[in-house]
Amino acid sequence: MEILITPAELDRALRTHDDVHVLDVRWSLGRPPGRPL
């Protein structure tokens, strides 16, 4: 499943500590997570 997300949405998810979802989204975009969990 392809997930489209803007940098602002990604940042908001990080700020709300939705780490598992963010990690999954980042990997789905082909970019490894930039911040440790």
PDB file of N, CA and C in Angstrom:
ATOM      1  N   MET A   1       0.850  -1.198   0.000  1.00  0.00           N
ATOM      2  CA  MET A   1       0.000   0.000   0.000  1.00  0.00           C
ATOM      3  C   MET A   1       0.883   1.245   0.000  1.00  0.00           C
ATOM      4  N   GLU A   2       0.609   2.140  -0.914  1.00  0.00           N
ATOM      5  CA  GLU A   2       1.392   3.364  -0.994  1.00  0.00           C
ATOM      6  C   GLU A   2       0.736   4.453  -0.150  1.00  0.00           C
ATOM      7  N   ILE A   3       1.523   5.083   0.691  1.00  0.00           N
ATOM      8  CA  ILE A   3       1.009   6.145   1.557  1.00  0.00           C
ATOM      9  C   ILE A   3       1.632   7.469   1.125  1.00  0.00           C
ATOM     10  N   LEU A   4       0.795   8.444   0.821  1.00  0.00           N
ATOM     11  CA  LEU A   4       1.290   9.770   0.474  1.00  0.00           C
ATOM     12  C   LEU A   4       1.176  10.664   1.699  1.00  0.00           C
ATOM     13  N   ILE A   5       2.283  11.319   2.045  1.00  0.00           N
ATOM     14  CA  ILE A   5       2.292  12.173   3.231  1.00  0.00           C
ATOM     15  C   ILE A   5       3.228  13.350   2.989  1.00  0.00           C
ATOM     16  N   THR A   6       2.800  14.523   3.427  1.00  0.00           N
ATOM     17  CA  THR A   6       3.624  15.713   3.245  1.00  0.00           C
ATOM     18  C   THR A   6       4.614  15.839   4.387  1.00  0.00           C
ATOM     19  N   PRO A   7       5.702  16.571   4.173  1.00  0.00           N
ATOM     20  CA  PRO A   7       6.666  16.781   5.267  1.00  0.00           C
ATOM     21  C   PRO A   7       6.013  17.366   6.518  1.00  0.00           C
ATOM     22  N   ALA A   8       5.042  18.243   6.341  1.00  0.00           N
ATOM     23  CA  ALA A   8       4.350  18.837   7.489  1.00  0.00           C
ATOM     24  C   ALA A   8       3.577  17.777   8.267  1.00  0.00           C
ATOM     25  N   GLU A   9       2.921  16.875   7.539  1.00  0.00           N
ATOM     26  CA  GLU A   9       2.178  15.796   8.194  1.00  0.00           C
ATOM     27  C   GLU A   9       3.131  14.871   8.941  1.00  0.00           C
ATOM     28  N   LEU A  10       4.272  14.596   8.316  1.00  0.00           N
ATOM     29  CA  LEU A  10       5.264  13.736   8.941  1.00  0.00           C
ATOM     30  C   LEU A  10       5.790  14.387  10.215  1.00  0.00           C
ATOM     31  N   ASP A  11       6.064  15.693  10.139  1.00  0.00           N
ATOM     32  CA  ASP A  11       6.564  16.414  11.296  1.00  0.00           C
ATOM     33  C   ASP A  11       5.528  16.445  12.415  1.00  0.00           C
ATOM     34  N   ARG A  12       4.267  16.643  12.024  1.00  0.00           N
ATOM     35  CA  ARG A  12       3.194  16.669  13.029  1.00  0.00           C
ATOM     36  C   ARG A  12       3.075  15.305  13.719  1.00  0.00           C
ATOM     37  N   ALA A  13       3.195  14.239  12.942  1.00  0.00           N
ATOM     38  CA  ALA A  13       3.130  12.895  13.517  1.00  0.00           C
ATOM     39  C   ALA A  13       4.287  12.672  14.503  1.00  0.00           C
ATOM     40  N   LEU A  14       5.478  13.172  14.132  1.00  0.00           N
ATOM     41  CA  LEU A  14       6.618  13.060  15.037  1.00  0.00           C
ATOM     42  C   LEU A  14       6.363  13.834  16.326  1.00  0.00           C
ATOM     43  N   ARG A  15       5.802  15.022  16.175  1.00  0.00           N
ATOM     44  CA  ARG A  15       5.558  15.872  17.346  1.00  0.00           C
ATOM     45  C   ARG A  15       4.493  15.280  18.266  1.00  0.00           C
ATOM     46  N   THR A  16       3.594  14.477  17.702  1.00  0.00           N
ATOM     47  CA  THR A  16       2.569  13.844  18.533  1.00  0.00           C
ATOM     48  C   THR A  16       3.024  12.466  19.005  1.00  0.00           C
ATOM     49  N   HIS A  17       4.317  12.148  18.740  1.00  0.00           N
ATOM     50  CA  HIS A  17       4.933  10.925  19.239  1.00  0.00           C
ATOM     51  C   HIS A  17       4.276   9.661  18.684  1.00  0.00           C
ATOM     52  N   ASP A  18       3.752   9.770  17.471  1.00  0.00           N
ATOM     53  CA  ASP A  18       3.162   8.591  16.828  1.00  0.00           C
ATOM     54  C   ASP A  18       4.290   7.841  16.120  1.00  0.00           C
ATOM     55  N   ASP A  19       5.247   7.370  16.925  1.00  0.00           N
ATOM     56  CA  ASP A  19       6.518   6.889  16.391  1.00  0.00           C
ATOM     57  C   ASP A  19       6.387   5.674  15.485  1.00  0.00           C
ATOM     58  N   VAL A  20       5.534   4.745  15.862  1.00  0.00           N
ATOM     59  CA  VAL A  20       5.413   3.518  15.082  1.00  0.00           C
ATOM     60  C   VAL A  20       4.876   3.823  13.689  1.00  0.00           C
ATOM     61  N   HIS A  21       3.845   4.664  13.613  1.00  0.00           N
ATOM     62  CA  HIS A  21       3.266   5.035  12.322  1.00  0.00           C
ATOM     63  C   HIS A  21       4.271   5.809  11.487  1.00  0.00           C
ATOM     64  N   VAL A  22       4.966   6.734  12.117  1.00  0.00           N
ATOM     65  CA  VAL A  22       5.962   7.539  11.407  1.00  0.00           C
ATOM     66  C   VAL A  22       7.068   6.660  10.840  1.00  0.00           C
ATOM     67  N   LEU A  23       7.530   5.723  11.662  1.00  0.00           N
ATOM     68  CA  LEU A  23       8.577   4.812  11.217  1.00  0.00           C
ATOM     69  C   LEU A  23       8.104   4.034   9.992  1.00  0.00           C
ATOM     70  N   ASP A  24       6.857   3.545  10.052  1.00  0.00           N
ATOM     71  CA  ASP A  24       6.292   2.774   8.958  1.00  0.00           C
ATOM     72  C   ASP A  24       6.158   3.628   7.704  1.00  0.00           C
ATOM     73  N   VAL A  25       5.703   4.870   7.873  1.00  0.00           N
ATOM     74  CA  VAL A  25       5.540   5.770   6.732  1.00  0.00           C
ATOM     75  C   VAL A  25       6.888   6.101   6.108  1.00  0.00           C
ATOM     76  N   ARG A  26       7.875   6.408   6.945  1.00  0.00           N
ATOM     77  CA  ARG A  26       9.199   6.746   6.414  1.00  0.00           C
ATOM     78  C   ARG A  26       9.786   5.587   5.611  1.00  0.00           C
ATOM     79  N   TRP A  27       9.647   4.363   6.127  1.00  0.00           N
ATOM     80  CA  TRP A  27      10.184   3.216   5.410  1.00  0.00           C
ATOM     81  C   TRP A  27       9.416   2.980   4.117  1.00  0.00           C
ATOM     82  N   SER A  28       8.090   3.247   4.152  1.00  0.00           N
ATOM     83  CA  SER A  28       7.288   3.035   2.952  1.00  0.00           C
ATOM     84  C   SER A  28       7.684   4.028   1.859  1.00  0.00           C
ATOM     85  N   LEU A  29       8.245   5.170   2.267  1.00  0.00           N
ATOM     86  CA  LEU A  29       8.703   6.173   1.311  1.00  0.00           C
ATOM     87  C   LEU A  29      10.122   5.871   0.830  1.00  0.00           C
ATOM     88  N   GLY A  30      10.705   4.814   1.391  1.00  0.00           N
ATOM     89  CA  GLY A  30      12.048   4.437   0.969  1.00  0.00           C
ATOM     90  C   GLY A  30      13.131   5.226   1.677  1.00  0.00           C
ATOM     91  N   ARG A  31      12.778   5.932   2.744  1.00  0.00           N
ATOM     92  CA  ARG A  31      13.776   6.687   3.503  1.00  0.00           C
ATOM     93  C   ARG A  31      13.828   6.126   4.921  1.00  0.00           C
ATOM     94  N   PRO A  32      15.010   5.789   5.391  1.00  0.00           N
ATOM     95  CA  PRO A  32      15.134   5.289   6.761  1.00  0.00           C
ATOM     96  C   PRO A  32      14.766   6.383   7.752  1.00  0.00           C
ATOM     97  N   PRO A  33      14.336   6.029   8.945  1.00  0.00           N
ATOM     98  CA  PRO A  33      13.943   7.023   9.944  1.00  0.00           C
ATOM     99  C   PRO A  33      15.092   7.948  10.309  1.00  0.00           C
ATOM    100  N   GLY A  34      14.790   9.209  10.447  1.00  0.00           N
ATOM    101  CA  GLY A  34      15.822  10.196  10.744  1.00  0.00           C
ATOM    102  C   GLY A  34      16.036  10.393  12.231  1.00  0.00           C
ATOM    103  N   ARG A  35      15.064   9.905  13.028  1.00  0.00           N
ATOM    104  CA  ARG A  35      15.187  10.059  14.470  1.00  0.00           C
ATOM    105  C   ARG A  35      14.998   8.701  15.142  1.00  0.00           C
ATOM    106  N   PRO A  36      15.769   8.424  16.192  1.00  0.00           N
ATOM    107  CA  PRO A  36      15.587   7.155  16.911  1.00  0.00           C
ATOM    108  C   PRO A  36      14.267   7.145  17.666  1.00  0.00           C
ATOM    109  N   LEU A  37      13.721   5.955  17.879  1.00  0.00           N
ATOM    110  CA  LEU A  37      12.476   5.846  18.640  1.00  0.00           C
ATOM    111  C   LEU A  37      12.780   5.894  20.132  1.00  0.00           C
TER     112      LEU A  37
END
